[in-house]
Amino acid sequence: MDAVRVALLREVLAGTEWLGATRRFAGTLRSSVVPHGGGLLLVGTAAYEPWHLAAHLVDEAAWSGTPELTPTLVRHRVLATDPAHLSTGLGRIEAARRGETLLVVAPDAPDPELLTRVHDARRAGATVLALGSGDRDLDALSHEALAVPETPDLDLDTVQHLVSAAAGENALPQARGRRRLRDRLSRLADQLTSPPPTRW
């Protein structure tokens, strides 16, 4: 999703809890991966693979100059013909250790096998974040969780866009009064999508 669309989403959601909630969650994500030089594992449920979030995080990592945001997509089913970057199976969660972050995206209840692996990763010291339906068992295993109720105005896909965009913002200190290109584009998008000022 481009900067203009994200700006429009933020305008629509202005005044709701969601802008603050997605920024806080994104801040937790960023602060858990940047100091450790990466180690972000991204997994969905057996019925849902978070392809779009993975792609958006890769884009944000490149645009923000924060390569630590680039995730490893962990998949429930891996075929022998899959390319290397899509060949990471659930066994990778078992190997997670301190300094790594496991982000679980679950629009439905995770199966017991995934919950067991998430539990093992947390016990080994990995930071666990959950984004999804608010499943009680998954949330209990998470250091931070963001539950997204399905409503006509908001869905998990929209929240994933907001989280990924916020994760890439202000990731690096600004150099002596100069703004990064990404920040300037975001500000321009906000200006282009805001209503004209009222004249008295």
Foldseek 3Di string as FASTA:
>chain_A
DDLLVLLVLCVVCPPHCLLVVLLVLLVVVLVLQQVLVAQEEEEEALVDFPPVLLVLQCVLCVQLVNVNSRYQGEHCDADPPDDPSHHHYLVVLLVAAASHEYEYEYQDDHDPVSLVSLQNNVVRHYAYEYEYQPPPSSCVSHPYYDHDDDDPSDDSVSSSNSNSNSNSPPSDPDDDPDDRPVVVVSVVSNVVPDDDDDDD
